[in-house]
């Protein structure tokens, strides 16, 4: 069964370091069953990279709500749409 958006969900952004084949990137996912990977923007600081990745994810799903977020101890960020 495919998950659907039924209310507020946590959006999680996680940094993925560079490999021999791919540059640094951020993985963004939610329980809605969707996930995207966004390239790291070296012109931005880490918090802004996570915020921009979250915004891109929201646009993919058509979620235009304002969001609030916080970082966890392991470097992962979590976001909730207001």
PDB file of N, CA and C in Angstrom:
ATOM      1  N   UNK A   1       0.846  -1.176   0.000  1.00  0.00           N
ATOM      2  CA  UNK A   1       0.000   0.000   0.000  1.00  0.00           C
ATOM      3  C   UNK A   1       0.889   1.236   0.000  1.00  0.00           C
ATOM      4  N   UNK A   2       0.574   2.181  -0.862  1.00  0.00           N
ATOM      5  CA  UNK A   2       1.366   3.406  -0.965  1.00  0.00           C
ATOM      6  C   UNK A   2       0.914   4.401   0.097  1.00  0.00           C
ATOM      7  N   UNK A   3       1.894   5.018   0.780  1.00  0.00           N
ATOM      8  CA  UNK A   3       1.585   6.025   1.796  1.00  0.00           C
ATOM      9  C   UNK A   3       1.132   7.309   1.114  1.00  0.00           C
ATOM     10  N   UNK A   4       0.200   8.001   1.724  1.00  0.00           N
ATOM     11  CA  UNK A   4      -0.275   9.278   1.200  1.00  0.00           C
ATOM     12  C   UNK A   4      -0.194  10.315   2.292  1.00  0.00           C
ATOM     13  N   UNK A   5      -0.219  11.569   1.890  1.00  0.00           N
ATOM     14  CA  UNK A   5      -0.152  12.672   2.838  1.00  0.00           C
ATOM     15  C   UNK A   5      -1.512  12.835   3.497  1.00  0.00           C
ATOM     16  N   UNK A   6      -1.569  12.647   4.813  1.00  0.00           N
ATOM     17  CA  UNK A   6      -2.837  12.746   5.530  1.00  0.00           C
ATOM     18  C   UNK A   6      -2.766  13.755   6.662  1.00  0.00           C
ATOM     19  N   UNK A   7      -1.753  14.563   6.705  1.00  0.00           N
ATOM     20  CA  UNK A   7      -1.606  15.539   7.776  1.00  0.00           C
ATOM     21  C   UNK A   7      -0.152  15.918   7.922  1.00  0.00           C
ATOM     22  N   UNK A   8       0.202  16.441   9.046  1.00  0.00           N
ATOM     23  CA  UNK A   8       1.582  16.859   9.262  1.00  0.00           C
ATOM     24  C   UNK A   8       2.508  15.647   9.338  1.00  0.00           C
ATOM     25  N   UNK A   9       3.611  15.769   8.629  1.00  0.00           N
ATOM     26  CA  UNK A   9       4.601  14.707   8.638  1.00  0.00           C
ATOM     27  C   UNK A   9       5.976  15.308   8.866  1.00  0.00           C
ATOM     28  N   UNK A  10       6.843  14.537   9.431  1.00  0.00           N
ATOM     29  CA  UNK A  10       8.220  14.961   9.618  1.00  0.00           C
ATOM     30  C   UNK A  10       8.961  14.764   8.303  1.00  0.00           C
ATOM     31  N   UNK A  11       9.706  15.786   7.906  1.00  0.00           N
ATOM     32  CA  UNK A  11      10.606  15.700   6.757  1.00  0.00           C
ATOM     33  C   UNK A  11      12.011  15.602   7.336  1.00  0.00           C
ATOM     34  N   UNK A  12      12.754  14.615   6.901  1.00  0.00           N
ATOM     35  CA  UNK A  12      14.102  14.387   7.417  1.00  0.00           C
ATOM     36  C   UNK A  12      15.124  14.671   6.333  1.00  0.00           C
ATOM     37  N   UNK A  13      16.137  15.474   6.643  1.00  0.00           N
ATOM     38  CA  UNK A  13      17.234  15.730   5.712  1.00  0.00           C
ATOM     39  C   UNK A  13      18.516  15.191   6.320  1.00  0.00           C
ATOM     40  N   UNK A  14      19.280  14.468   5.507  1.00  0.00           N
ATOM     41  CA  UNK A  14      20.503  13.834   6.004  1.00  0.00           C
ATOM     42  C   UNK A  14      21.638  14.059   5.012  1.00  0.00           C
ATOM     43  N   UNK A  15      22.780  14.487   5.527  1.00  0.00           N
ATOM     44  CA  UNK A  15      23.960  14.716   4.698  1.00  0.00           C
ATOM     45  C   UNK A  15      24.554  13.382   4.265  1.00  0.00           C
ATOM     46  N   UNK A  16      24.882  13.270   2.981  1.00  0.00           N
ATOM     47  CA  UNK A  16      25.572  12.107   2.443  1.00  0.00           C
ATOM     48  C   UNK A  16      26.900  12.596   1.876  1.00  0.00           C
ATOM     49  N   UNK A  17      27.982  12.127   2.414  1.00  0.00           N
ATOM     50  CA  UNK A  17      29.302  12.563   1.987  1.00  0.00           C
ATOM     51  C   UNK A  17      29.633  12.125   0.571  1.00  0.00           C
ATOM     52  N   UNK A  18      30.651  12.754  -0.011  1.00  0.00           N
ATOM     53  CA  UNK A  18      31.034  12.416  -1.378  1.00  0.00           C
ATOM     54  C   UNK A  18      31.635  11.012  -1.466  1.00  0.00           C
ATOM     55  N   UNK A  19      31.488  10.427  -2.644  1.00  0.00           N
ATOM     56  CA  UNK A  19      32.086   9.122  -2.935  1.00  0.00           C
ATOM     57  C   UNK A  19      33.033   9.297  -4.118  1.00  0.00           C
ATOM     58  N   UNK A  20      33.554   8.205  -4.633  1.00  0.00           N
ATOM     59  CA  UNK A  20      34.397   8.283  -5.825  1.00  0.00           C
ATOM     60  C   UNK A  20      33.605   8.659  -7.070  1.00  0.00           C
ATOM     61  N   UNK A  21      32.289   8.506  -7.006  1.00  0.00           N
ATOM     62  CA  UNK A  21      31.459   8.711  -8.184  1.00  0.00           C
ATOM     63  C   UNK A  21      30.463   9.863  -8.055  1.00  0.00           C
ATOM     64  N   UNK A  22      30.118  10.251  -6.827  1.00  0.00           N
ATOM     65  CA  UNK A  22      29.128  11.298  -6.605  1.00  0.00           C
ATOM     66  C   UNK A  22      29.664  12.311  -5.617  1.00  0.00           C
ATOM     67  N   UNK A  23      29.267  13.560  -5.800  1.00  0.00           N
ATOM     68  CA  UNK A  23      29.644  14.604  -4.856  1.00  0.00           C
ATOM     69  C   UNK A  23      28.777  14.537  -3.610  1.00  0.00           C
ATOM     70  N   UNK A  24      29.044  15.419  -2.670  1.00  0.00           N
ATOM     71  CA  UNK A  24      28.241  15.492  -1.448  1.00  0.00           C
ATOM     72  C   UNK A  24      26.806  15.835  -1.828  1.00  0.00           C
ATOM     73  N   UNK A  25      25.862  15.339  -1.034  1.00  0.00           N
ATOM     74  CA  UNK A  25      24.453  15.564  -1.321  1.00  0.00           C
ATOM     75  C   UNK A  25      23.641  15.421  -0.052  1.00  0.00           C
ATOM     76  N   UNK A  26      22.371  15.755  -0.155  1.00  0.00           N
ATOM     77  CA  UNK A  26      21.454  15.626   0.979  1.00  0.00           C
ATOM     78  C   UNK A  26      20.287  14.754   0.543  1.00  0.00           C
ATOM     79  N   UNK A  27      19.983  13.768   1.357  1.00  0.00           N
ATOM     80  CA  UNK A  27      18.831  12.886   1.120  1.00  0.00           C
ATOM     81  C   UNK A  27      17.672  13.433   1.932  1.00  0.00           C
ATOM     82  N   UNK A  28      16.538  13.628   1.289  1.00  0.00           N
ATOM     83  CA  UNK A  28      15.345  14.169   1.947  1.00  0.00           C
ATOM     84  C   UNK A  28      14.227  13.145   1.807  1.00  0.00           C
ATOM     85  N   UNK A  29      13.549  12.843   2.933  1.00  0.00           N
ATOM     86  CA  UNK A  29      12.464  11.868   2.860  1.00  0.00           C
ATOM     87  C   UNK A  29      11.385  12.203   3.879  1.00  0.00           C
ATOM     88  N   UNK A  30      10.209  11.613   3.650  1.00  0.00           N
ATOM     89  CA  UNK A  30       9.070  11.747   4.561  1.00  0.00           C
ATOM     90  C   UNK A  30       8.255  10.470   4.490  1.00  0.00           C
ATOM     91  N   UNK A  31       7.347  10.303   5.425  1.00  0.00           N
ATOM     92  CA  UNK A  31       6.510   9.104   5.455  1.00  0.00           C
ATOM     93  C   UNK A  31       5.510   9.064   4.313  1.00  0.00           C
ATOM     94  N   UNK A  32       5.432  10.121   3.533  1.00  0.00           N
ATOM     95  CA  UNK A  32       4.520  10.145   2.390  1.00  0.00           C
ATOM     96  C   UNK A  32       4.972   9.175   1.298  1.00  0.00           C
ATOM     97  N   UNK A  33       6.118   8.550   1.489  1.00  0.00           N
ATOM     98  CA  UNK A  33       6.591   7.572   0.529  1.00  0.00           C
ATOM     99  C   UNK A  33       7.483   8.161  -0.544  1.00  0.00           C
ATOM    100  N   UNK A  34       7.842   9.398  -0.403  1.00  0.00           N
ATOM    101  CA  UNK A  34       8.692  10.063  -1.386  1.00  0.00           C
ATOM    102  C   UNK A  34      10.046  10.377  -0.775  1.00  0.00           C
ATOM    103  N   UNK A  35      11.052  10.429  -1.640  1.00  0.00           N
ATOM    104  CA  UNK A  35      12.395  10.831  -1.220  1.00  0.00           C
ATOM    105  C   UNK A  35      13.083  11.455  -2.423  1.00  0.00           C
ATOM    106  N   UNK A  36      13.927  12.436  -2.171  1.00  0.00           N
ATOM    107  CA  UNK A  36      14.733  13.054  -3.219  1.00  0.00           C
ATOM    108  C   UNK A  36      16.161  13.219  -2.701  1.00  0.00           C
ATOM    109  N   UNK A  37      17.101  13.294  -3.625  1.00  0.00           N
ATOM    110  CA  UNK A  37      18.480  13.575  -3.282  1.00  0.00           C
ATOM    111  C   UNK A  37      18.851  14.886  -3.953  1.00  0.00           C
ATOM    112  N   UNK A  38      19.390  15.815  -3.163  1.00  0.00           N
ATOM    113  CA  UNK A  38      19.704  17.160  -3.631  1.00  0.00           C
ATOM    114  C   UNK A  38      21.215  17.355  -3.547  1.00  0.00           C
ATOM    115  N   UNK A  39      21.842  17.843  -4.622  1.00  0.00           N
ATOM    116  CA  UNK A  39      23.291  18.085  -4.564  1.00  0.00           C
ATOM    117  C   UNK A  39      23.641  19.142  -3.517  1.00  0.00           C
ATOM    118  N   UNK A  40      24.799  18.992  -2.905  1.00  0.00           N
ATOM    119  CA  UNK A  40      25.293  19.941  -1.914  1.00  0.00           C
ATOM    120  C   UNK A  40      25.695  21.226  -2.619  1.00  0.00           C
ATOM    121  N   UNK A  41      25.289  22.364  -2.077  1.00  0.00           N
ATOM    122  CA  UNK A  41      25.656  23.669  -2.625  1.00  0.00           C
ATOM    123  C   UNK A  41      26.777  24.229  -1.751  1.00  0.00           C
ATOM    124  N   UNK A  42      27.996  24.238  -2.266  1.00  0.00           N
ATOM    125  CA  UNK A  42      29.157  24.659  -1.478  1.00  0.00           C
ATOM    126  C   UNK A  42      29.161  26.147  -1.162  1.00  0.00           C
ATOM    127  N   UNK A  43      28.274  26.917  -1.786  1.00  0.00           N
ATOM    128  CA  UNK A  43      28.165  28.350  -1.489  1.00  0.00           C
ATOM    129  C   UNK A  43      27.349  28.597  -0.222  1.00  0.00           C
ATOM    130  N   UNK A  44      26.658  27.575   0.272  1.00  0.00           N
ATOM    131  CA  UNK A  44      25.804  27.713   1.456  1.00  0.00           C
ATOM    132  C   UNK A  44      26.430  27.022   2.660  1.00  0.00           C
ATOM    133  N   UNK A  45      26.028  27.457   3.854  1.00  0.00           N
ATOM    134  CA  UNK A  45      26.470  26.760   5.058  1.00  0.00           C
ATOM    135  C   UNK A  45      25.615  25.501   5.234  1.00  0.00           C
ATOM    136  N   UNK A  46      25.990  24.597   6.125  1.00  0.00           N
ATOM    137  CA  UNK A  46      25.247  23.340   6.273  1.00  0.00           C
ATOM    138  C   UNK A  46      23.757  23.520   6.589  1.00  0.00           C
ATOM    139  N   UNK A  47      23.422  24.410   7.507  1.00  0.00           N
ATOM    140  CA  UNK A  47      22.015  24.597   7.865  1.00  0.00           C
ATOM    141  C   UNK A  47      21.208  25.087   6.663  1.00  0.00           C
ATOM    142  N   UNK A  48      21.775  26.004   5.880  1.00  0.00           N
ATOM    143  CA  UNK A  48      21.067  26.506   4.694  1.00  0.00           C
ATOM    144  C   UNK A  48      20.950  25.437   3.617  1.00  0.00           C
ATOM    145  N   UNK A  49      21.946  24.571   3.499  1.00  0.00           N
ATOM    146  CA  UNK A  49      21.848  23.462   2.552  1.00  0.00           C
ATOM    147  C   UNK A  49      20.675  22.554   2.903  1.00  0.00           C
ATOM    148  N   UNK A  50      20.521  22.244   4.177  1.00  0.00           N
ATOM    149  CA  UNK A  50      19.412  21.389   4.610  1.00  0.00           C
ATOM    150  C   UNK A  50      18.071  22.089   4.384  1.00  0.00           C
ATOM    151  N   UNK A  51      18.006  23.392   4.669  1.00  0.00           N
ATOM    152  CA  UNK A  51      16.764  24.147   4.472  1.00  0.00           C
ATOM    153  C   UNK A  51      16.381  24.187   2.989  1.00  0.00           C
ATOM    154  N   UNK A  52      17.350  24.414   2.113  1.00  0.00           N
ATOM    155  CA  UNK A  52      17.071  24.449   0.676  1.00  0.00           C
ATOM    156  C   UNK A  52      16.636  23.075   0.156  1.00  0.00           C
ATOM    157  N   UNK A  53      17.261  22.028   0.677  1.00  0.00           N
ATOM    158  CA  UNK A  53      16.868  20.675   0.277  1.00  0.00           C
ATOM    159  C   UNK A  53      15.435  20.387   0.712  1.00  0.00           C
ATOM    160  N   UNK A  54      15.073  20.835   1.903  1.00  0.00           N
ATOM    161  CA  UNK A  54      13.705  20.654   2.388  1.00  0.00           C
ATOM    162  C   UNK A  54      12.715  21.414   1.502  1.00  0.00           C
ATOM    163  N   UNK A  55      13.057  22.639   1.116  1.00  0.00           N
ATOM    164  CA  UNK A  55      12.196  23.429   0.234  1.00  0.00           C
ATOM    165  C   UNK A  55      12.003  22.744  -1.117  1.00  0.00           C
ATOM    166  N   UNK A  56      13.080  22.187  -1.657  1.00  0.00           N
ATOM    167  CA  UNK A  56      12.968  21.490  -2.943  1.00  0.00           C
ATOM    168  C   UNK A  56      12.050  20.281  -2.816  1.00  0.00           C
ATOM    169  N   UNK A  57      12.192  19.553  -1.714  1.00  0.00           N
ATOM    170  CA  UNK A  57      11.332  18.395  -1.467  1.00  0.00           C
ATOM    171  C   UNK A  57       9.870  18.822  -1.365  1.00  0.00           C
ATOM    172  N   UNK A  58       9.617  19.905  -0.641  1.00  0.00           N
ATOM    173  CA  UNK A  58       8.255  20.398  -0.503  1.00  0.00           C
ATOM    174  C   UNK A  58       7.678  20.758  -1.872  1.00  0.00           C
ATOM    175  N   UNK A  59       8.478  21.349  -2.745  1.00  0.00           N
ATOM    176  CA  UNK A  59       7.972  21.726  -4.061  1.00  0.00           C
ATOM    177  C   UNK A  59       7.670  20.490  -4.910  1.00  0.00           C
ATOM    178  N   UNK A  60       8.458  19.432  -4.760  1.00  0.00           N
ATOM    179  CA  UNK A  60       8.201  18.189  -5.479  1.00  0.00           C
ATOM    180  C   UNK A  60       6.842  17.617  -5.081  1.00  0.00           C
ATOM    181  N   UNK A  61       6.516  17.690  -3.794  1.00  0.00           N
ATOM    182  CA  UNK A  61       5.247  17.144  -3.302  1.00  0.00           C
ATOM    183  C   UNK A  61       4.099  18.138  -3.367  1.00  0.00           C
ATOM    184  N   UNK A  62       4.394  19.395  -3.710  1.00  0.00           N
ATOM    185  CA  UNK A  62       3.339  20.400  -3.758  1.00  0.00           C
ATOM    186  C   UNK A  62       2.930  20.899  -2.388  1.00  0.00           C
ATOM    187  N   UNK A  63       3.805  20.768  -1.420  1.00  0.00           N
ATOM    188  CA  UNK A  63       3.544  21.258  -0.068  1.00  0.00           C
ATOM    189  C   UNK A  63       4.121  22.655   0.034  1.00  0.00           C
ATOM    190  N   UNK A  64       3.273  23.666   0.098  1.00  0.00           N
ATOM    191  CA  UNK A  64       3.777  25.030   0.152  1.00  0.00           C
ATOM    192  C   UNK A  64       3.668  25.640   1.542  1.00  0.00           C
ATOM    193  N   UNK A  65       3.452  24.815   2.543  1.00  0.00           N
ATOM    194  CA  UNK A  65       3.337  25.307   3.918  1.00  0.00           C
ATOM    195  C   UNK A  65       4.682  25.807   4.441  1.00  0.00           C
ATOM    196  N   UNK A  66       4.612  26.764   5.348  1.00  0.00           N
ATOM    197  CA  UNK A  66       5.807  27.209   6.051  1.00  0.00           C
ATOM    198  C   UNK A  66       6.283  26.053   6.929  1.00  0.00           C
ATOM    199  N   UNK A  67       7.599  25.982   7.180  1.00  0.00           N
ATOM    200  CA  UNK A  67       8.104  24.870   7.978  1.00  0.00           C
ATOM    201  C   UNK A  67       9.039  25.377   9.062  1.00  0.00           C
ATOM    202  N   UNK A  68       9.186  24.542  10.079  1.00  0.00           N
ATOM    203  CA  UNK A  68      10.154  24.796  11.148  1.00  0.00           C
ATOM    204  C   UNK A  68      11.032  23.559  11.242  1.00  0.00           C
ATOM    205  N   UNK A  69      12.293  23.767  11.623  1.00  0.00           N
ATOM    206  CA  UNK A  69      13.198  22.636  11.677  1.00  0.00           C
ATOM    207  C   UNK A  69      14.230  22.769  12.770  1.00  0.00           C
ATOM    208  N   UNK A  70      14.894  21.666  13.011  1.00  0.00           N
ATOM    209  CA  UNK A  70      15.935  21.625  14.028  1.00  0.00           C
ATOM    210  C   UNK A  70      16.904  20.507  13.669  1.00  0.00           C
ATOM    211  N   UNK A  71      18.138  20.645  14.123  1.00  0.00           N
ATOM    212  CA  UNK A  71      19.121  19.592  13.874  1.00  0.00           C
ATOM    213  C   UNK A  71      19.156  18.630  15.059  1.00  0.00           C
ATOM    214  N   UNK A  72      19.467  17.390  14.751  1.00  0.00           N
ATOM    215  CA  UNK A  72      19.641  16.370  15.774  1.00  0.00           C
ATOM    216  C   UNK A  72      21.131  16.215  16.052  1.00  0.00           C
ATOM    217  N   UNK A  73      21.472  15.509  17.095  1.00  0.00           N
ATOM    218  CA  UNK A  73      22.877  15.338  17.498  1.00  0.00           C
ATOM    219  C   UNK A  73      23.705  14.643  16.419  1.00  0.00           C
ATOM    220  N   UNK A  74      23.095  13.812  15.580  1.00  0.00           N
ATOM    221  CA  UNK A  74      23.842  13.056  14.566  1.00  0.00           C
ATOM    222  C   UNK A  74      24.009  13.821  13.253  1.00  0.00           C
ATOM    223  N   UNK A  75      23.598  15.092  13.209  1.00  0.00           N
ATOM    224  CA  UNK A  75      23.747  15.896  12.001  1.00  0.00           C
ATOM    225  C   UNK A  75      22.560  15.852  11.071  1.00  0.00           C
ATOM    226  N   UNK A  76      21.582  15.037  11.385  1.00  0.00           N
ATOM    227  CA  UNK A  76      20.346  14.990  10.615  1.00  0.00           C
ATOM    228  C   UNK A  76      19.465  16.162  11.036  1.00  0.00           C
ATOM    229  N   UNK A  77      18.747  16.725  10.087  1.00  0.00           N
ATOM    230  CA  UNK A  77      17.781  17.779  10.395  1.00  0.00           C
ATOM    231  C   UNK A  77      16.373  17.216  10.229  1.00  0.00           C
ATOM    232  N   UNK A  78      15.452  17.679  11.040  1.00  0.00           N
ATOM    233  CA  UNK A  78      14.053  17.309  10.896  1.00  0.00           C
ATOM    234  C   UNK A  78      13.228  18.584  10.755  1.00  0.00           C
ATOM    235  N   UNK A  79      12.180  18.505   9.958  1.00  0.00           N
ATOM    236  CA  UNK A  79      11.327  19.644   9.632  1.00  0.00           C
ATOM    237  C   UNK A  79       9.872  19.239   9.756  1.00  0.00           C
ATOM    238  N   UNK A  80       9.028  20.161  10.148  1.00  0.00           N
ATOM    239  CA  UNK A  80       7.581  19.941  10.191  1.00  0.00           C
ATOM    240  C   UNK A  80       6.928  21.162   9.554  1.00  0.00           C
ATOM    241  N   UNK A  81       5.999  20.907   8.648  1.00  0.00           N
ATOM    242  CA  UNK A  81       5.251  22.009   8.044  1.00  0.00           C
ATOM    243  C   UNK A  81       4.239  22.528   9.059  1.00  0.00           C
ATOM    244  N   UNK A  82       4.112  23.852   9.140  1.00  0.00           N
ATOM    245  CA  UNK A  82       3.157  24.455  10.082  1.00  0.00           C
ATOM    246  C   UNK A  82       1.739  24.305   9.579  1.00  0.00           C
TER     247      UNK A  82
END
